[in-house]
Amino acid sequence: MWTREQLQATVKERFQDTLLVVVSNREPYIHTFGEDGVTWRRPASGIVTALDPVMHAVDNGLWVALASGSADRQTADARGCLGVPPDDPSYTLKRVWLPKDILEGYYYGFANEALWPLSHLVYRRPTFRTRDWECYQQANRAFAKAILEEVEGKRAFIWIQDYHFCLLGQYLHEARPDITTGFFWHIPWPNPEIFRICPMKHELLKGLLANDLVGFHIRYHRDNFLATVDMEIECRIDREHIAVVRRGHRTRVRAFPISVDFEAISRDAMSAKVEAIMAEMRDSVALRGSRHIFLGVDRFDYTKGIVERLRAFDRFLEMHPEHKGEIVFLQAGEASRTHIEEYRRLNEEVDALVEEINWKHGTDTWTPVSLLRRSLSYEEVLALYRLASVLVVSSLHDGMNLVSKEFVAARSDLRGVLVISRFTGAARELSDAVSVNPYHTDDFAVQLAKALAMPKSEQARRLTRLRQVVQENNIYTWAASFLAELGDLPVKAG
């Protein structure tokens, strides 16, 4: 079982005199202007949840990310750099600013209207626009320039995160062939038949294969990637060593299941601050008087199965009217990507469905479904986990899903039930959770009833085993596995 201290020792040993750089679209700390001046927060992002603890364990690490806060520029230096966390700095954040038109095409366009639906099997058609592709290339070049400014004259290992930066490794190697780059793809990788519709498929694959190491959550996604490369690119697949050789360059391809900081979440969930927030939430209008809470914690995204879980809850109330008045479904999370029409339609559909369920089942004194559609602090999320009788994770397709692992880590009281979609990567590890097919509404409702009726002894038995899995395969295990693989790569000549 890896710890922060062990990871720190490993990084020092393997990356001696080498700068470790993490690159992501989402920044780990955001500064904004408010009524009381400038404030900062850590966003509720899967990548931030996973990587921030890792960067705390690294001496003099650098994180390069897109600026997103209204006060970000005012709190960084002339190079866009600042120490984070702001109250006790342990590594450097370098912010990158993009012109609005480039951001629109790169992020809202190609990344989230092309690559996101292409990779998730949820029956949303991807949109490919030439202008979006051009913006995506320009954004990747802007990040390459920002990184190269910081690593000039230094040995560096660059750890690139997710589908926003498929071309970044290629641009970095063109300028600095001696740099070692690792790429982690955080979402599912589709099968070759799906990926082949992408007009830019060859450029994307060549960009990814410029990296020295490419990682996925599970073997299924890794194998889909290898099959796609084999079909689309002239190369040699080294199946013995699980690598791709193209024009003399070898790219290792591996599966690294991501996780969370189990010990920190377990500790923080029991803090006095979280206890105080729990008390406030219990007394809120939405939860007051409820004996049981069904909880969903998600960014409002069509891949998360929010509509499907609400329909299952509606069916559950039809099948079990005896529970009316004593149970509330609380769906918490932030509205997402509302620039995109598909996301605006999702929010409208959720609003309409909640209104329908509340009109159909509610009374003057009881509202079955409540929406908490805002950004939540870390402590607020932990408080919700501890209040929940049942956490519902109903993703239609997911690379991993860290919410499920956070819930398990937060429940040191061995109370509560995890209901998880079999279409998440996490379901393969968390086999003691209650498994559902979110498309099968009636059976989903049956499983909700099963979770609610589960005896406390059975809850404790399942959570004990789930917690052991998450504790043993924690975030430091994931990071150590990836960085050890990256660190074993031979040093390249400049």
Protein backbone atom coordinates (compact mmCIF):
# COMPACT_ATOMS: atom_id res chain seq x y z
CA MET A 1 0.00 0.00 0.00
CA TRP A 2 1.54 3.25 -1.18
CA THR A 3 1.64 6.36 0.98
CA ARG A 4 2.43 9.97 0.23
CA GLU A 5 5.83 9.54 1.90
CA GLN A 6 6.69 6.48 -0.17
CA LEU A 7 5.70 8.27 -3.37
CA GLN A 8 7.84 11.24 -2.39
CA ALA A 9 10.85 8.98 -1.82
CA THR A 10 10.29 7.21 -5.14
CA VAL A 11 10.00 10.47 -7.06
CA LYS A 12 13.19 11.78 -5.49
CA GLU A 13 15.01 8.59 -6.42
CA ARG A 14 13.76 8.29 -10.00
CA PHE A 15 13.49 11.98 -10.92
CA GLN A 16 16.67 13.31 -9.38
CA ASP A 17 17.59 16.70 -10.89
CA THR A 18 14.53 16.45 -13.13
CA LEU A 19 11.53 18.77 -13.23
CA LEU A 20 8.20 16.93 -13.06
CA VAL A 21 5.49 18.83 -14.94
CA VAL A 22 1.76 18.00 -14.87
CA VAL A 23 -0.41 19.46 -17.65
CA SER A 24 -4.21 19.65 -17.54
CA ASN A 25 -7.01 21.80 -18.86
CA ARG A 26 -8.53 22.28 -15.38
CA GLU A 27 -6.43 24.25 -12.90
CA PRO A 28 -6.14 22.97 -9.31
CA TYR A 29 -6.74 26.37 -7.65
CA ILE A 30 -8.97 29.17 -8.91
CA HIS A 31 -8.96 32.83 -7.81
CA THR A 32 -12.12 34.91 -8.17
CA PHE A 33 -13.34 38.38 -7.21
CA GLY A 34 -16.12 38.44 -4.63
CA GLU A 35 -17.83 40.81 -2.23
CA ASP A 36 -14.98 40.32 0.24
CA GLY A 37 -12.21 40.75 -2.32
CA VAL A 38 -10.19 37.96 -3.93
CA THR A 39 -10.95 34.41 -2.80
CA TRP A 40 -9.63 31.05 -3.93
CA ARG A 41 -10.99 27.52 -4.06
CA ARG A 42 -10.03 24.04 -5.22
CA PRO A 43 -12.57 22.92 -7.86
CA ALA A 44 -14.48 19.65 -7.55
CA SER A 45 -12.75 18.03 -10.51
CA GLY A 46 -11.74 14.41 -10.90
CA ILE A 47 -8.31 15.33 -12.22
CA VAL A 48 -7.73 17.85 -9.42
CA THR A 49 -8.93 15.36 -6.80
CA ALA A 50 -6.49 12.81 -8.15
CA LEU A 51 -3.41 14.88 -8.88
CA ASP A 52 -3.32 17.59 -6.22
CA PRO A 53 -2.23 15.11 -3.50
CA VAL A 54 0.43 13.77 -5.87
CA MET A 55 1.85 17.24 -6.49
CA HIS A 56 1.99 17.87 -2.74
CA ALA A 57 4.24 14.82 -2.53
CA VAL A 58 6.65 16.18 -5.17
CA ASP A 59 9.44 18.64 -4.38
CA ASN A 60 9.31 21.70 -6.66
CA GLY A 61 6.71 20.29 -9.04
CA LEU A 62 5.07 22.39 -11.76
CA TRP A 63 1.41 22.22 -12.86
CA VAL A 64 0.48 23.94 -16.14
CA ALA A 65 -3.25 24.61 -16.67
CA LEU A 66 -5.79 26.88 -18.30
CA ALA A 67 -6.67 29.99 -16.31
CA SER A 68 -10.38 30.07 -15.45
CA GLY A 69 -10.88 32.49 -12.52
CA SER A 70 -11.77 36.18 -12.73
CA ALA A 71 -8.83 37.05 -10.44
CA ASP A 72 -6.33 34.54 -11.82
CA ARG A 73 -4.24 37.12 -13.66
CA GLN A 74 -4.03 39.44 -10.67
CA THR A 75 -2.73 36.67 -8.39
CA ALA A 76 -0.02 35.31 -10.72
CA ASP A 77 3.33 36.82 -11.67
CA ALA A 78 4.35 38.07 -15.12
CA ARG A 79 4.92 34.46 -16.31
CA GLY A 80 1.52 33.37 -15.00
CA CYS A 81 3.09 31.50 -12.08
CA LEU A 82 2.21 31.34 -8.37
CA GLY A 83 2.76 29.01 -5.44
CA VAL A 84 -0.16 26.77 -4.47
CA PRO A 85 -2.05 26.05 -2.35
CA PRO A 86 -2.22 29.82 -1.81
CA ASP A 87 -2.25 29.48 1.99
CA ASP A 88 0.67 27.03 2.18
CA PRO A 89 2.51 26.67 -1.16
CA SER A 90 4.13 23.32 -1.96
CA TYR A 91 4.34 23.44 -5.77
CA THR A 92 4.06 25.94 -8.65
CA LEU A 93 1.00 26.54 -10.82
CA LYS A 94 1.55 28.14 -14.23
CA ARG A 95 -1.59 29.52 -15.82
CA VAL A 96 -2.16 29.73 -19.56
CA TRP A 97 -4.60 32.25 -21.08
CA LEU A 98 -6.22 31.65 -24.46
CA PRO A 99 -8.10 34.20 -26.60
CA LYS A 100 -11.86 33.73 -26.31
CA ASP A 101 -12.29 32.56 -29.92
CA ILE A 102 -9.53 29.96 -29.56
CA LEU A 103 -10.99 28.75 -26.24
CA GLU A 104 -14.41 28.45 -27.83
CA GLY A 105 -13.16 26.25 -30.67
CA TYR A 106 -10.61 24.25 -28.68
CA TYR A 107 -12.58 23.50 -25.50
CA TYR A 108 -16.28 23.85 -26.24
CA GLY A 109 -15.83 22.85 -29.85
CA PHE A 110 -13.35 20.11 -30.66
CA ALA A 111 -12.69 18.76 -27.16
CA ASN A 112 -16.29 18.62 -25.97
CA GLU A 113 -18.43 18.46 -29.10
CA ALA A 114 -16.14 16.09 -31.01
CA LEU A 115 -13.84 14.02 -28.77
CA TRP A 116 -16.12 13.77 -25.71
CA PRO A 117 -19.18 12.27 -27.48
CA LEU A 118 -16.90 10.22 -29.75
CA SER A 119 -15.41 8.52 -26.69
CA HIS A 120 -18.61 7.97 -24.68
CA LEU A 121 -21.17 5.44 -25.87
CA VAL A 122 -24.26 7.46 -24.95
CA TYR A 123 -25.79 7.97 -28.40
CA ARG A 124 -24.76 11.58 -28.89
CA ARG A 125 -23.44 12.39 -32.35
CA PRO A 126 -20.02 14.12 -32.37
CA THR A 127 -19.61 17.33 -34.36
CA PHE A 128 -16.39 17.89 -36.31
CA ARG A 129 -15.67 21.44 -37.52
CA THR A 130 -12.50 22.50 -39.31
CA ARG A 131 -12.36 25.76 -37.34
CA ASP A 132 -12.59 23.88 -34.02
CA TRP A 133 -9.74 21.60 -35.10
CA GLU A 134 -7.59 24.62 -35.97
CA CYS A 135 -8.30 26.11 -32.52
CA TYR A 136 -7.46 22.79 -30.88
CA GLN A 137 -4.08 22.78 -32.63
CA GLN A 138 -3.41 26.40 -31.63
CA ALA A 139 -4.32 25.70 -27.99
CA ASN A 140 -1.99 22.69 -27.88
CA ARG A 141 0.80 24.82 -29.37
CA ALA A 142 0.15 27.55 -26.78
CA PHE A 143 0.51 25.02 -23.97
CA ALA A 144 3.69 23.63 -25.55
CA LYS A 145 5.15 27.14 -25.65
CA ALA A 146 4.24 27.75 -21.99
CA ILE A 147 5.81 24.48 -20.90
CA LEU A 148 8.98 25.03 -22.91
CA GLU A 149 9.43 28.43 -21.25
CA GLU A 150 9.60 26.73 -17.86
CA VAL A 151 11.76 23.72 -18.77
CA GLU A 152 14.38 25.59 -20.77
CA GLY A 153 17.81 24.15 -20.00
CA LYS A 154 16.38 21.52 -17.64
CA ARG A 155 15.76 17.80 -17.75
CA ALA A 156 12.02 17.29 -17.59
CA PHE A 157 9.33 14.64 -17.41
CA ILE A 158 6.00 15.94 -18.68
CA TRP A 159 2.81 14.20 -17.52
CA ILE A 160 -0.05 15.22 -19.85
CA GLN A 161 -3.66 14.75 -18.77
CA ASP A 162 -6.59 13.88 -20.98
CA TYR A 163 -8.23 14.38 -24.34
CA HIS A 164 -7.65 18.14 -24.45
CA PHE A 165 -3.96 17.64 -25.36
CA CYS A 166 -3.64 14.85 -27.92
CA LEU A 167 -1.10 16.87 -29.93
CA LEU A 168 0.95 18.30 -27.08
CA GLY A 169 3.49 15.48 -26.82
CA GLN A 170 4.26 15.81 -30.52
CA TYR A 171 4.80 19.57 -30.31
CA LEU A 172 7.06 19.20 -27.26
CA HIS A 173 9.19 16.51 -28.91
CA GLU A 174 9.58 18.58 -32.06
CA ALA A 175 11.18 21.33 -29.96
CA ARG A 176 12.90 19.18 -27.32
CA PRO A 177 13.50 15.56 -28.42
CA ASP A 178 15.20 14.87 -25.07
CA ILE A 179 12.01 15.51 -23.05
CA THR A 180 10.16 12.42 -21.82
CA THR A 181 6.38 12.67 -21.96
CA GLY A 182 3.65 10.49 -20.49
CA PHE A 183 0.00 10.86 -21.43
CA PHE A 184 -2.99 9.70 -19.38
CA TRP A 185 -6.38 9.41 -21.09
CA HIS A 186 -9.03 9.85 -18.37
CA ILE A 187 -12.15 8.93 -20.37
CA PRO A 188 -13.08 5.73 -22.24
CA TRP A 189 -11.31 4.93 -25.50
CA PRO A 190 -13.85 3.80 -28.12
CA ASN A 191 -13.53 0.74 -30.29
CA PRO A 192 -11.94 1.14 -33.76
CA GLU A 193 -15.26 1.19 -35.63
CA ILE A 194 -16.39 4.21 -33.65
CA PHE A 195 -13.09 6.08 -33.75
CA ARG A 196 -12.72 5.67 -37.50
CA ILE A 197 -15.46 8.26 -38.19
CA CYS A 198 -13.21 11.03 -36.84
CA PRO A 199 -11.81 13.04 -39.80
CA MET A 200 -8.69 13.94 -37.79
CA LYS A 201 -8.08 10.39 -36.53
CA HIS A 202 -4.59 9.98 -38.03
CA GLU A 203 -3.32 13.30 -36.67
CA LEU A 204 -4.71 12.49 -33.21
CA LEU A 205 -3.16 9.03 -33.13
CA LYS A 206 0.20 10.28 -34.35
CA GLY A 207 0.11 12.99 -31.70
CA LEU A 208 -0.59 10.45 -28.95
CA LEU A 209 2.10 8.07 -30.22
CA ALA A 210 4.67 10.86 -29.96
CA ASN A 211 4.50 10.29 -26.18
CA ASP A 212 6.77 7.75 -24.53
CA LEU A 213 3.98 6.31 -22.38
CA VAL A 214 0.19 6.33 -22.85
CA GLY A 215 -2.04 5.21 -20.00
CA PHE A 216 -5.71 4.27 -19.64
CA HIS A 217 -7.89 3.34 -16.66
CA ILE A 218 -8.64 -0.25 -17.63
CA ARG A 219 -7.32 -2.91 -19.98
CA TYR A 220 -10.43 -2.77 -22.15
CA HIS A 221 -9.72 0.86 -23.08
CA ARG A 222 -6.03 0.08 -23.56
CA ASP A 223 -6.90 -2.79 -25.90
CA ASN A 224 -9.34 -0.60 -27.84
CA PHE A 225 -6.55 1.92 -28.35
CA LEU A 226 -4.11 -0.71 -29.59
CA ALA A 227 -6.73 -2.10 -31.96
CA THR A 228 -7.45 1.40 -33.26
CA VAL A 229 -3.77 2.14 -33.85
CA ASP A 230 -3.33 -1.24 -35.56
CA MET A 231 -6.21 -0.46 -37.93
CA GLU A 232 -5.43 3.17 -38.73
CA ILE A 233 -1.66 3.76 -38.54
CA GLU A 234 1.34 2.17 -40.24
CA CYS A 235 3.22 0.82 -37.25
CA ARG A 236 4.21 -2.37 -35.41
CA ILE A 237 2.35 -3.55 -32.32
CA ASP A 238 4.75 -5.20 -29.86
CA ARG A 239 2.23 -7.38 -28.01
CA GLU A 240 4.82 -9.03 -25.80
CA HIS A 241 5.83 -5.69 -24.25
CA ILE A 242 2.52 -3.92 -24.95
CA ALA A 243 3.97 -1.10 -27.00
CA VAL A 244 3.62 0.59 -30.38
CA VAL A 245 6.68 1.13 -32.57
CA ARG A 246 6.35 3.81 -35.25
CA ARG A 247 9.23 5.28 -37.24
CA GLY A 248 11.72 4.07 -34.67
CA HIS A 249 9.86 5.54 -31.70
CA ARG A 250 8.46 3.19 -29.05
CA THR A 251 5.36 4.11 -27.05
CA ARG A 252 4.47 1.96 -24.08
CA VAL A 253 0.72 1.49 -23.55
CA ARG A 254 -0.50 0.56 -20.08
CA ALA A 255 -3.58 0.40 -17.81
CA PHE A 256 -3.38 2.34 -14.53
CA PRO A 257 -6.68 2.41 -12.56
CA ILE A 258 -6.94 5.85 -10.97
CA SER A 259 -8.08 6.35 -7.39
CA VAL A 260 -8.33 8.85 -4.49
CA ASP A 261 -6.41 9.83 -1.37
CA PHE A 262 -8.13 7.31 0.90
CA GLU A 263 -6.45 8.28 4.17
CA ALA A 264 -7.00 12.02 3.73
CA ILE A 265 -10.67 11.64 2.79
CA SER A 266 -11.31 9.23 5.67
CA ARG A 267 -9.73 11.71 8.09
CA ASP A 268 -11.30 14.87 6.68
CA ALA A 269 -14.79 13.35 6.51
CA MET A 270 -14.76 13.05 10.33
CA SER A 271 -13.58 16.63 10.94
CA ALA A 272 -15.47 19.16 13.04
CA LYS A 273 -15.95 21.37 9.98
CA VAL A 274 -17.70 18.58 8.08
CA GLU A 275 -19.82 17.75 11.14
CA ALA A 276 -20.96 21.38 11.31
CA ILE A 277 -21.89 21.41 7.61
CA MET A 278 -23.82 18.17 8.08
CA ALA A 279 -25.87 19.77 10.85
CA GLU A 280 -26.68 22.77 8.64
CA MET A 281 -27.68 20.52 5.74
CA ARG A 282 -29.93 18.33 7.92
CA ASP A 283 -31.81 21.45 8.95
CA SER A 284 -32.14 22.79 5.40
CA VAL A 285 -35.55 23.00 3.73
CA ALA A 286 -34.54 20.35 1.18
CA LEU A 287 -33.59 17.69 3.74
CA ARG A 288 -35.52 18.58 6.89
CA GLY A 289 -37.52 15.63 8.19
CA SER A 290 -36.16 13.05 5.71
CA ARG A 291 -35.21 9.68 7.19
CA HIS A 292 -33.21 8.63 4.14
CA ILE A 293 -31.27 10.45 1.42
CA PHE A 294 -30.58 9.10 -2.04
CA LEU A 295 -27.64 11.15 -3.33
CA GLY A 296 -26.19 11.94 -6.73
CA VAL A 297 -23.00 14.01 -6.98
CA ASP A 298 -22.08 14.83 -10.57
CA ARG A 299 -21.23 17.57 -12.97
CA PHE A 300 -24.38 18.01 -15.08
CA ASP A 301 -23.29 15.99 -18.09
CA TYR A 302 -25.28 13.68 -20.35
CA THR A 303 -22.82 10.83 -19.73
CA LYS A 304 -23.62 10.74 -15.99
CA GLY A 305 -27.08 9.17 -16.31
CA ILE A 306 -28.83 11.85 -14.22
CA VAL A 307 -32.06 11.59 -16.19
CA GLU A 308 -31.94 7.78 -15.94
CA ARG A 309 -31.51 7.81 -12.14
CA LEU A 310 -34.39 10.26 -11.71
CA ARG A 311 -36.65 8.05 -13.81
CA ALA A 312 -35.61 5.07 -11.69
CA PHE A 313 -36.43 7.03 -8.52
CA ASP A 314 -39.83 7.91 -9.98
CA ARG A 315 -40.44 4.22 -10.66
CA PHE A 316 -39.20 3.33 -7.17
CA LEU A 317 -41.83 5.64 -5.63
CA GLU A 318 -44.51 4.05 -7.82
CA MET A 319 -43.45 0.56 -6.68
CA HIS A 320 -42.97 1.53 -3.02
CA PRO A 321 -45.46 4.25 -2.06
CA GLU A 322 -44.88 3.36 1.60
CA HIS A 323 -41.60 5.31 1.41
CA LYS A 324 -43.24 8.54 0.32
CA GLY A 325 -42.63 11.33 2.78
CA GLU A 326 -39.55 9.79 4.35
CA ILE A 327 -36.98 9.83 1.55
CA VAL A 328 -35.43 12.60 -0.57
CA PHE A 329 -33.35 12.32 -3.73
CA LEU A 330 -30.72 15.09 -3.62
CA GLN A 331 -28.93 15.68 -6.92
CA ALA A 332 -25.90 17.90 -6.31
CA GLY A 333 -23.43 19.29 -8.79
CA GLU A 334 -22.45 22.18 -10.99
CA ALA A 335 -23.98 23.09 -14.34
CA SER A 336 -21.44 22.27 -17.04
CA ARG A 337 -20.51 23.47 -20.54
CA THR A 338 -23.71 25.46 -20.95
CA HIS A 339 -22.24 27.06 -24.08
CA ILE A 340 -23.08 23.77 -25.81
CA GLU A 341 -26.67 23.17 -26.92
CA GLU A 342 -26.65 19.51 -25.83
CA TYR A 343 -25.86 20.55 -22.26
CA ARG A 344 -28.51 23.26 -22.21
CA ARG A 345 -31.07 20.67 -23.34
CA LEU A 346 -29.92 18.30 -20.58
CA ASN A 347 -30.44 20.96 -17.90
CA GLU A 348 -33.90 21.71 -19.28
CA GLU A 349 -34.77 18.00 -19.33
CA VAL A 350 -33.60 17.52 -15.74
CA ASP A 351 -35.62 20.56 -14.58
CA ALA A 352 -38.74 19.29 -16.34
CA LEU A 353 -38.34 15.77 -14.95
CA VAL A 354 -37.79 17.02 -11.38
CA GLU A 355 -40.90 19.20 -11.67
CA GLU A 356 -42.90 16.24 -12.97
CA ILE A 357 -41.76 13.87 -10.18
CA ASN A 358 -42.37 16.45 -7.46
CA TRP A 359 -45.87 17.25 -8.81
CA LYS A 360 -46.70 13.55 -9.19
CA HIS A 361 -45.51 12.31 -5.79
CA GLY A 362 -44.98 15.37 -3.58
CA THR A 363 -47.18 16.83 -0.87
CA ASP A 364 -47.50 20.17 0.89
CA THR A 365 -44.87 19.06 3.39
CA TRP A 366 -42.61 16.81 1.30
CA THR A 367 -40.64 17.38 -1.92
CA PRO A 368 -39.22 14.11 -3.33
CA VAL A 369 -36.37 15.57 -5.44
CA SER A 370 -34.13 18.53 -4.69
CA LEU A 371 -31.46 19.98 -6.97
CA LEU A 372 -28.34 21.57 -5.54
CA ARG A 373 -26.94 23.00 -8.76
CA ARG A 374 -23.85 24.91 -7.70
CA SER A 375 -20.16 24.51 -7.06
CA LEU A 376 -19.54 22.59 -3.83
CA SER A 377 -16.57 22.84 -1.52
CA TYR A 378 -14.55 19.77 -0.63
CA GLU A 379 -16.04 19.74 2.88
CA GLU A 380 -19.60 20.09 1.54
CA VAL A 381 -19.13 17.05 -0.69
CA LEU A 382 -17.80 15.02 2.24
CA ALA A 383 -20.77 16.11 4.34
CA LEU A 384 -23.16 14.92 1.63
CA TYR A 385 -21.40 11.55 1.42
CA ARG A 386 -21.82 11.07 5.16
CA LEU A 387 -25.49 12.09 5.11
CA ALA A 388 -26.42 9.75 2.28
CA SER A 389 -28.20 6.47 2.89
CA VAL A 390 -27.51 5.52 -0.74
CA LEU A 391 -25.07 7.07 -3.24
CA VAL A 392 -26.27 6.57 -6.81
CA VAL A 393 -23.63 6.51 -9.56
CA SER A 394 -25.49 5.81 -12.80
CA SER A 395 -23.03 6.84 -15.53
CA LEU A 396 -23.98 5.63 -18.99
CA HIS A 397 -20.26 5.35 -19.79
CA ASP A 398 -17.33 6.41 -17.62
CA GLY A 399 -13.58 6.04 -17.66
CA MET A 400 -13.40 5.39 -13.91
CA ASN A 401 -15.67 7.56 -11.67
CA LEU A 402 -13.93 8.88 -8.57
CA VAL A 403 -17.15 9.93 -6.80
CA SER A 404 -17.81 6.26 -6.01
CA LYS A 405 -14.34 5.85 -4.47
CA GLU A 406 -14.61 9.12 -2.53
CA PHE A 407 -17.90 7.93 -0.99
CA VAL A 408 -16.31 4.64 0.08
CA ALA A 409 -13.35 6.48 1.63
CA ALA A 410 -15.63 8.91 3.48
CA ARG A 411 -17.74 6.18 5.13
CA SER A 412 -15.50 5.01 7.95
CA ASP A 413 -18.74 4.55 9.92
CA LEU A 414 -19.47 1.55 7.63
CA ARG A 415 -22.95 2.89 6.89
CA GLY A 416 -24.52 3.62 3.53
CA VAL A 417 -24.80 1.77 0.24
CA LEU A 418 -23.07 2.41 -3.09
CA VAL A 419 -25.23 1.80 -6.17
CA ILE A 420 -23.02 1.89 -9.26
CA SER A 421 -23.50 1.54 -13.00
CA ARG A 422 -21.80 -1.47 -14.51
CA PHE A 423 -20.66 0.86 -17.31
CA THR A 424 -18.13 2.66 -15.11
CA GLY A 425 -14.49 1.63 -14.87
CA ALA A 426 -14.83 1.66 -11.07
CA ALA A 427 -17.46 -1.09 -11.14
CA ARG A 428 -14.72 -3.58 -12.06
CA GLU A 429 -12.92 -2.88 -8.78
CA LEU A 430 -15.91 -2.14 -6.53
CA SER A 431 -17.65 -5.49 -6.94
CA ASP A 432 -19.32 -5.30 -3.50
CA ALA A 433 -21.43 -2.33 -4.59
CA VAL A 434 -24.99 -2.82 -5.85
CA SER A 435 -24.67 -3.01 -9.64
CA VAL A 436 -27.24 -1.48 -12.02
CA ASN A 437 -27.90 -1.05 -15.72
CA PRO A 438 -29.08 2.59 -15.88
CA TYR A 439 -30.99 1.89 -19.10
CA HIS A 440 -33.20 -0.73 -17.36
CA THR A 441 -35.50 1.56 -15.38
CA ASP A 442 -37.58 -1.12 -13.61
CA ASP A 443 -34.59 -3.14 -12.46
CA PHE A 444 -32.81 0.07 -11.45
CA ALA A 445 -35.79 0.86 -9.20
CA VAL A 446 -35.64 -2.66 -7.75
CA GLN A 447 -31.97 -2.21 -6.90
CA LEU A 448 -32.68 1.14 -5.22
CA ALA A 449 -35.21 -0.63 -3.02
CA LYS A 450 -32.67 -3.37 -2.28
CA ALA A 451 -30.08 -0.77 -1.29
CA LEU A 452 -32.50 1.06 0.99
CA ALA A 453 -33.59 -2.16 2.72
CA MET A 454 -30.06 -3.52 3.18
CA PRO A 455 -29.41 -4.48 6.84
CA LYS A 456 -26.73 -2.51 8.66
CA SER A 457 -24.65 -5.66 9.08
CA GLU A 458 -24.63 -6.20 5.31
CA GLN A 459 -23.79 -2.53 4.70
CA ALA A 460 -20.82 -2.88 7.05
CA ARG A 461 -19.64 -6.10 5.42
CA ARG A 462 -19.73 -4.62 1.93
CA LEU A 463 -18.17 -1.29 2.90
CA THR A 464 -15.36 -3.03 4.79
CA ARG A 465 -14.38 -4.85 1.61
CA LEU A 466 -14.87 -1.80 -0.60
CA ARG A 467 -12.73 0.31 1.70
CA GLN A 468 -9.97 -2.28 1.61
CA VAL A 469 -9.93 -2.14 -2.20
CA VAL A 470 -9.76 1.68 -2.30
CA GLN A 471 -7.22 1.86 0.51
CA GLU A 472 -4.86 -0.61 -1.14
CA ASN A 473 -5.25 0.89 -4.62
CA ASN A 474 -5.12 4.55 -3.62
CA ILE A 475 -4.06 7.62 -5.57
CA TYR A 476 -0.41 7.16 -4.61
CA THR A 477 -0.45 3.62 -6.01
CA TRP A 478 -1.78 4.99 -9.31
CA ALA A 479 0.76 7.81 -9.46
CA ALA A 480 3.66 5.62 -8.38
CA SER A 481 2.81 3.01 -11.01
CA PHE A 482 2.64 5.60 -13.79
CA LEU A 483 5.73 7.54 -12.71
CA ALA A 484 7.76 4.37 -12.12
CA GLU A 485 6.94 3.29 -15.68
CA LEU A 486 7.79 6.76 -16.96
CA GLY A 487 10.97 6.91 -14.92
CA ASP A 488 12.17 3.58 -16.30
CA LEU A 489 12.25 4.96 -19.82
CA PRO A 490 15.79 5.50 -21.10
CA VAL A 491 17.20 9.02 -21.02
CA LYS A 492 17.09 10.44 -24.53
CA ALA A 493 19.81 12.47 -26.18
CA GLY A 494 18.99 16.07 -27.04
